[in-house]
């Protein structure tokens, strides 16, 4: 595994779930979810802007951040609607697992080259 792939692996499998878990511990308020939505929109906009300026790695990192925050917002919304602790646990686990999905896209793209 190349050093770049190892760094991407660590980011996807360590930083993504850690960031998501930390954000899901925040109080479930509309202001927090709105702030996350603003960061997602800004990240995607910056990624698209950087795409035209040879900022491929920074753009990928911003898209990854937008993915993790989007998954976290969905999980927060689902957890808000569920009072039973068992589904809340599964929602949390599913969200943490979903944050790792970009790695599989990168690995598949690497295999195609």
C-alpha atoms as a PDB file:
ATOM      1  CA  UNK A   1       0.000   0.000   0.000  1.00  0.00           C
ATOM      2  CA  UNK A   2       1.398   3.369  -0.986  1.00  0.00           C
ATOM      3  CA  UNK A   3       1.799   6.098   1.635  1.00  0.00           C
ATOM      4  CA  UNK A   4      -0.973   8.159   0.018  1.00  0.00           C
ATOM      5  CA  UNK A   5      -3.340   5.184   0.110  1.00  0.00           C
ATOM      6  CA  UNK A   6      -2.422   4.518   3.727  1.00  0.00           C
ATOM      7  CA  UNK A   7      -3.201   8.114   4.656  1.00  0.00           C
ATOM      8  CA  UNK A   8      -6.539   7.948   2.811  1.00  0.00           C
ATOM      9  CA  UNK A   9      -7.314   4.672   4.583  1.00  0.00           C
ATOM     10  CA  UNK A  10      -6.560   6.177   7.993  1.00  0.00           C
ATOM     11  CA  UNK A  11      -8.629   9.254   7.258  1.00  0.00           C
ATOM     12  CA  UNK A  12     -11.617   7.230   6.059  1.00  0.00           C
ATOM     13  CA  UNK A  13     -11.547   4.565   8.761  1.00  0.00           C
ATOM     14  CA  UNK A  14     -10.393   6.602  11.756  1.00  0.00           C
ATOM     15  CA  UNK A  15     -11.080  10.293  11.236  1.00  0.00           C
ATOM     16  CA  UNK A  16     -14.480   9.864   9.558  1.00  0.00           C
ATOM     17  CA  UNK A  17     -16.128   7.740  12.246  1.00  0.00           C
ATOM     18  CA  UNK A  18     -14.452   9.779  14.998  1.00  0.00           C
ATOM     19  CA  UNK A  19     -15.721  13.050  13.535  1.00  0.00           C
ATOM     20  CA  UNK A  20     -19.203  11.630  13.078  1.00  0.00           C
ATOM     21  CA  UNK A  21     -19.314  10.182  16.594  1.00  0.00           C
ATOM     22  CA  UNK A  22     -18.153  13.467  18.067  1.00  0.00           C
ATOM     23  CA  UNK A  23     -20.775  15.435  16.176  1.00  0.00           C
ATOM     24  CA  UNK A  24     -23.552  13.025  17.138  1.00  0.00           C
ATOM     25  CA  UNK A  25     -22.761  13.698  20.798  1.00  0.00           C
ATOM     26  CA  UNK A  26     -23.670  17.355  20.340  1.00  0.00           C
ATOM     27  CA  UNK A  27     -27.127  18.422  21.464  1.00  0.00           C
ATOM     28  CA  UNK A  28     -29.718  17.866  18.785  1.00  0.00           C
ATOM     29  CA  UNK A  29     -30.640  21.469  18.066  1.00  0.00           C
ATOM     30  CA  UNK A  30     -31.763  23.090  14.863  1.00  0.00           C
ATOM     31  CA  UNK A  31     -28.877  25.568  14.970  1.00  0.00           C
ATOM     32  CA  UNK A  32     -26.305  22.760  15.006  1.00  0.00           C
ATOM     33  CA  UNK A  33     -27.925  20.924  12.106  1.00  0.00           C
ATOM     34  CA  UNK A  34     -28.219  24.195  10.184  1.00  0.00           C
ATOM     35  CA  UNK A  35     -24.549  24.884  10.810  1.00  0.00           C
ATOM     36  CA  UNK A  36     -23.627  21.416   9.561  1.00  0.00           C
ATOM     37  CA  UNK A  37     -25.742  21.968   6.449  1.00  0.00           C
ATOM     38  CA  UNK A  38     -23.942  25.250   5.818  1.00  0.00           C
ATOM     39  CA  UNK A  39     -20.557  23.537   6.147  1.00  0.00           C
ATOM     40  CA  UNK A  40     -21.688  20.804   3.716  1.00  0.00           C
ATOM     41  CA  UNK A  41     -22.798  23.365   1.131  1.00  0.00           C
ATOM     42  CA  UNK A  42     -19.585  25.345   1.558  1.00  0.00           C
ATOM     43  CA  UNK A  43     -17.426  22.219   1.277  1.00  0.00           C
ATOM     44  CA  UNK A  44     -19.091  21.095  -1.929  1.00  0.00           C
ATOM     45  CA  UNK A  45     -18.884  24.589  -3.409  1.00  0.00           C
ATOM     46  CA  UNK A  46     -15.195  24.874  -2.561  1.00  0.00           C
ATOM     47  CA  UNK A  47     -14.528  21.391  -3.952  1.00  0.00           C
ATOM     48  CA  UNK A  48     -16.145  22.345  -7.250  1.00  0.00           C
ATOM     49  CA  UNK A  49     -14.242  25.621  -7.322  1.00  0.00           C
ATOM     50  CA  UNK A  50     -10.932  23.845  -6.639  1.00  0.00           C
ATOM     51  CA  UNK A  51     -11.634  21.289  -9.351  1.00  0.00           C
ATOM     52  CA  UNK A  52     -11.003  23.955 -11.996  1.00  0.00           C
ATOM     53  CA  UNK A  53      -7.804  25.114 -10.296  1.00  0.00           C
ATOM     54  CA  UNK A  54      -5.872  21.831 -10.002  1.00  0.00           C
ATOM     55  CA  UNK A  55      -6.803  21.337  -6.362  1.00  0.00           C
ATOM     56  CA  UNK A  56      -7.771  17.706  -6.792  1.00  0.00           C
ATOM     57  CA  UNK A  57      -6.657  16.425  -3.383  1.00  0.00           C
ATOM     58  CA  UNK A  58      -8.144  19.361  -1.527  1.00  0.00           C
ATOM     59  CA  UNK A  59     -11.354  18.913  -3.509  1.00  0.00           C
ATOM     60  CA  UNK A  60     -11.511  15.230  -2.604  1.00  0.00           C
ATOM     61  CA  UNK A  61     -10.925  16.058   1.046  1.00  0.00           C
ATOM     62  CA  UNK A  62     -13.734  18.608   0.980  1.00  0.00           C
ATOM     63  CA  UNK A  63     -16.096  16.151  -0.703  1.00  0.00           C
ATOM     64  CA  UNK A  64     -15.181  13.573   1.935  1.00  0.00           C
ATOM     65  CA  UNK A  65     -15.948  16.104   4.676  1.00  0.00           C
ATOM     66  CA  UNK A  66     -19.291  16.901   3.050  1.00  0.00           C
ATOM     67  CA  UNK A  67     -20.098  13.172   2.916  1.00  0.00           C
ATOM     68  CA  UNK A  68     -19.285  12.610   6.584  1.00  0.00           C
ATOM     69  CA  UNK A  69     -21.278  15.636   7.681  1.00  0.00           C
ATOM     70  CA  UNK A  70     -24.248  14.663   5.498  1.00  0.00           C
ATOM     71  CA  UNK A  71     -24.334  11.158   6.932  1.00  0.00           C
ATOM     72  CA  UNK A  72     -24.093  12.611  10.428  1.00  0.00           C
ATOM     73  CA  UNK A  73     -26.971  15.020   9.803  1.00  0.00           C
ATOM     74  CA  UNK A  74     -29.167  12.190   8.520  1.00  0.00           C
ATOM     75  CA  UNK A  75     -28.327  10.092  11.566  1.00  0.00           C
ATOM     76  CA  UNK A  76     -29.083  13.004  13.883  1.00  0.00           C
ATOM     77  CA  UNK A  77     -32.459  13.483  12.217  1.00  0.00           C
ATOM     78  CA  UNK A  78     -33.322   9.796  12.455  1.00  0.00           C
ATOM     79  CA  UNK A  79     -32.214   9.608  16.075  1.00  0.00           C
ATOM     80  CA  UNK A  80     -34.380  12.614  16.893  1.00  0.00           C
ATOM     81  CA  UNK A  81     -37.470  10.795  15.619  1.00  0.00           C
ATOM     82  CA  UNK A  82     -36.735   7.567  17.492  1.00  0.00           C
ATOM     83  CA  UNK A  83     -37.236   7.263  21.236  1.00  0.00           C
ATOM     84  CA  UNK A  84     -36.412   3.564  21.565  1.00  0.00           C
ATOM     85  CA  UNK A  85     -32.715   3.052  22.434  1.00  0.00           C
ATOM     86  CA  UNK A  86     -32.233  -0.058  20.294  1.00  0.00           C
ATOM     87  CA  UNK A  87     -32.928   1.585  16.904  1.00  0.00           C
ATOM     88  CA  UNK A  88     -30.926   4.615  18.036  1.00  0.00           C
ATOM     89  CA  UNK A  89     -27.901   2.361  18.517  1.00  0.00           C
ATOM     90  CA  UNK A  90     -28.331   0.850  15.056  1.00  0.00           C
ATOM     91  CA  UNK A  91     -28.683   4.292  13.522  1.00  0.00           C
ATOM     92  CA  UNK A  92     -25.433   5.351  15.176  1.00  0.00           C
ATOM     93  CA  UNK A  93     -23.574   2.219  14.077  1.00  0.00           C
ATOM     94  CA  UNK A  94     -24.914   2.539  10.529  1.00  0.00           C
ATOM     95  CA  UNK A  95     -23.831   6.169  10.356  1.00  0.00           C
ATOM     96  CA  UNK A  96     -20.341   5.339  11.597  1.00  0.00           C
ATOM     97  CA  UNK A  97     -20.039   2.561   9.028  1.00  0.00           C
ATOM     98  CA  UNK A  98     -21.375   4.790   6.248  1.00  0.00           C
ATOM     99  CA  UNK A  99     -18.606   7.317   6.826  1.00  0.00           C
ATOM    100  CA  UNK A 100     -16.112   4.727   5.544  1.00  0.00           C
ATOM    101  CA  UNK A 101     -17.809   4.287   2.154  1.00  0.00           C
ATOM    102  CA  UNK A 102     -15.612   6.805   0.289  1.00  0.00           C
ATOM    103  CA  UNK A 103     -12.640   4.499   0.872  1.00  0.00           C
ATOM    104  CA  UNK A 104     -14.265   1.772  -1.189  1.00  0.00           C
ATOM    105  CA  UNK A 105     -14.802   4.201  -4.054  1.00  0.00           C
ATOM    106  CA  UNK A 106     -11.148   5.232  -3.938  1.00  0.00           C
ATOM    107  CA  UNK A 107      -9.986   1.613  -3.739  1.00  0.00           C
ATOM    108  CA  UNK A 108     -12.197   0.610  -6.672  1.00  0.00           C
ATOM    109  CA  UNK A 109     -10.943   3.527  -8.748  1.00  0.00           C
ATOM    110  CA  UNK A 110      -7.369   2.560  -7.898  1.00  0.00           C
ATOM    111  CA  UNK A 111      -8.006  -0.998  -9.092  1.00  0.00           C
ATOM    112  CA  UNK A 112      -9.299   0.291 -12.424  1.00  0.00           C
ATOM    113  CA  UNK A 113      -6.094   2.173 -13.203  1.00  0.00           C
END
